[in-house]
Amino acid sequence: MPMSTDVPQPTFRRLTAVLDYSYLVLHLPRGTSRNAARQILTEHAEYGGWELDRLRLYPDGRRDVRLRRKIIRATKTM
């Protein structure tokens, strides 16, 4: 997934599976513009199948974003 060079890169912390969803936590540094954050989240949604679960904006401008996607389990039919 190519990203433009003027967009700050998020820090990936953990990828866990709970129940029927897997979660990805992104930490966007302060100074990341609203448009850059939107672009990062849009790319994760379009190419990775992630959806926004929680967004926390701190007073200093950094953002913690939790994305989730459904875990598809194959069931045996025979």
C-alpha atoms as a PDB file:
ATOM      1  CA  MET A   1       0.000   0.000   0.000  1.00  0.00           C
ATOM      2  CA  PRO A   2       1.965   3.036  -1.198  1.00  0.00           C
ATOM      3  CA  MET A   3       1.623   6.175   0.891  1.00  0.00           C
ATOM      4  CA  SER A   4       2.635   9.677  -0.098  1.00  0.00           C
ATOM      5  CA  THR A   5       5.777  11.050   1.501  1.00  0.00           C
ATOM      6  CA  ASP A   6       4.174  14.174   2.994  1.00  0.00           C
ATOM      7  CA  VAL A   7       1.864  12.127   5.255  1.00  0.00           C
ATOM      8  CA  PRO A   8       3.295  11.207   8.690  1.00  0.00           C
ATOM      9  CA  GLN A   9       3.546   7.458   9.219  1.00  0.00           C
ATOM     10  CA  PRO A  10       1.462   6.035  12.108  1.00  0.00           C
ATOM     11  CA  THR A  11       3.004   3.835  14.777  1.00  0.00           C
ATOM     12  CA  PHE A  12       1.545   0.338  14.887  1.00  0.00           C
ATOM     13  CA  ARG A  13       1.329  -1.040  18.396  1.00  0.00           C
ATOM     14  CA  ARG A  14      -0.633  -4.276  18.492  1.00  0.00           C
ATOM     15  CA  LEU A  15      -2.891  -6.561  16.541  1.00  0.00           C
ATOM     16  CA  THR A  16      -5.121  -8.769  18.668  1.00  0.00           C
ATOM     17  CA  ALA A  17      -8.123 -11.003  18.154  1.00  0.00           C
ATOM     18  CA  VAL A  18     -11.080 -10.771  20.520  1.00  0.00           C
ATOM     19  CA  LEU A  19     -14.308 -12.647  19.838  1.00  0.00           C
ATOM     20  CA  ASP A  20     -15.186 -12.072  16.187  1.00  0.00           C
ATOM     21  CA  TYR A  21     -13.070  -8.976  15.535  1.00  0.00           C
ATOM     22  CA  SER A  22      -9.371  -8.268  15.243  1.00  0.00           C
ATOM     23  CA  TYR A  23      -8.175  -4.860  16.406  1.00  0.00           C
ATOM     24  CA  LEU A  24      -5.380  -2.595  15.220  1.00  0.00           C
ATOM     25  CA  VAL A  25      -4.286   0.375  17.331  1.00  0.00           C
ATOM     26  CA  LEU A  26      -2.669   3.337  15.568  1.00  0.00           C
ATOM     27  CA  HIS A  27      -0.940   6.172  17.372  1.00  0.00           C
ATOM     28  CA  LEU A  28      -0.861   9.276  15.181  1.00  0.00           C
ATOM     29  CA  PRO A  29       1.700  11.837  16.378  1.00  0.00           C
ATOM     30  CA  ARG A  30       0.785  15.399  17.173  1.00  0.00           C
ATOM     31  CA  GLY A  31       1.183  17.657  14.214  1.00  0.00           C
ATOM     32  CA  THR A  32      -0.641  15.203  11.974  1.00  0.00           C
ATOM     33  CA  SER A  33      -3.205  17.262  10.100  1.00  0.00           C
ATOM     34  CA  ARG A  34      -6.848  16.295   9.948  1.00  0.00           C
ATOM     35  CA  ASN A  35      -6.538  15.612   6.207  1.00  0.00           C
ATOM     36  CA  ALA A  36      -3.484  13.390   6.702  1.00  0.00           C
ATOM     37  CA  ALA A  37      -5.273  11.415   9.425  1.00  0.00           C
ATOM     38  CA  ARG A  38      -8.300  11.060   7.164  1.00  0.00           C
ATOM     39  CA  GLN A  39      -6.099   9.815   4.328  1.00  0.00           C
ATOM     40  CA  ILE A  40      -4.412   7.203   6.557  1.00  0.00           C
ATOM     41  CA  LEU A  41      -7.738   5.915   7.885  1.00  0.00           C
ATOM     42  CA  THR A  42      -9.319   5.892   4.418  1.00  0.00           C
ATOM     43  CA  GLU A  43      -6.470   3.774   3.039  1.00  0.00           C
ATOM     44  CA  HIS A  44      -6.790   1.290   5.903  1.00  0.00           C
ATOM     45  CA  ALA A  45     -10.535   1.082   5.304  1.00  0.00           C
ATOM     46  CA  GLU A  46     -10.336   0.675   1.522  1.00  0.00           C
ATOM     47  CA  TYR A  47      -7.360  -1.665   1.223  1.00  0.00           C
ATOM     48  CA  GLY A  48      -7.360  -3.488   4.559  1.00  0.00           C
ATOM     49  CA  GLY A  49     -11.053  -3.779   5.327  1.00  0.00           C
ATOM     50  CA  TRP A  50     -10.713  -1.926   8.652  1.00  0.00           C
ATOM     51  CA  GLU A  51     -13.462   0.166  10.218  1.00  0.00           C
ATOM     52  CA  LEU A  52     -13.211   2.806  12.930  1.00  0.00           C
ATOM     53  CA  ASP A  53     -13.935   1.468  16.412  1.00  0.00           C
ATOM     54  CA  ARG A  54     -12.630   4.261  18.645  1.00  0.00           C
ATOM     55  CA  LEU A  55     -10.791   7.547  18.214  1.00  0.00           C
ATOM     56  CA  ARG A  56      -9.260   9.501  21.064  1.00  0.00           C
ATOM     57  CA  LEU A  57      -7.918  13.006  20.484  1.00  0.00           C
ATOM     58  CA  TYR A  58      -5.633  14.344  23.216  1.00  0.00           C
ATOM     59  CA  PRO A  59      -5.244  18.046  24.109  1.00  0.00           C
ATOM     60  CA  ASP A  60      -1.673  18.073  22.746  1.00  0.00           C
ATOM     61  CA  GLY A  61      -2.937  16.968  19.302  1.00  0.00           C
ATOM     62  CA  ARG A  62      -1.934  13.299  19.193  1.00  0.00           C
ATOM     63  CA  ARG A  63      -4.553  10.714  18.293  1.00  0.00           C
ATOM     64  CA  ASP A  64      -5.071   7.105  19.341  1.00  0.00           C
ATOM     65  CA  VAL A  65      -7.203   5.254  16.802  1.00  0.00           C
ATOM     66  CA  ARG A  66      -8.557   1.730  17.246  1.00  0.00           C
ATOM     67  CA  LEU A  67      -9.662   0.004  14.063  1.00  0.00           C
ATOM     68  CA  ARG A  68     -11.440  -3.324  13.826  1.00  0.00           C
ATOM     69  CA  ARG A  69     -12.340  -5.858  11.187  1.00  0.00           C
ATOM     70  CA  LYS A  70     -14.467  -8.945  11.250  1.00  0.00           C
ATOM     71  CA  ILE A  71     -12.697 -12.289  11.532  1.00  0.00           C
ATOM     72  CA  ILE A  72     -14.121 -14.664   8.938  1.00  0.00           C
ATOM     73  CA  ARG A  73     -13.940 -18.255  10.091  1.00  0.00           C
ATOM     74  CA  ALA A  74     -14.387 -21.030   7.567  1.00  0.00           C
ATOM     75  CA  THR A  75     -16.731 -23.775   8.707  1.00  0.00           C
ATOM     76  CA  LYS A  76     -16.392 -27.352   7.597  1.00  0.00           C
ATOM     77  CA  THR A  77     -19.339 -28.391   5.427  1.00  0.00           C
ATOM     78  CA  MET A  78     -18.599 -32.079   5.008  1.00  0.00           C
END
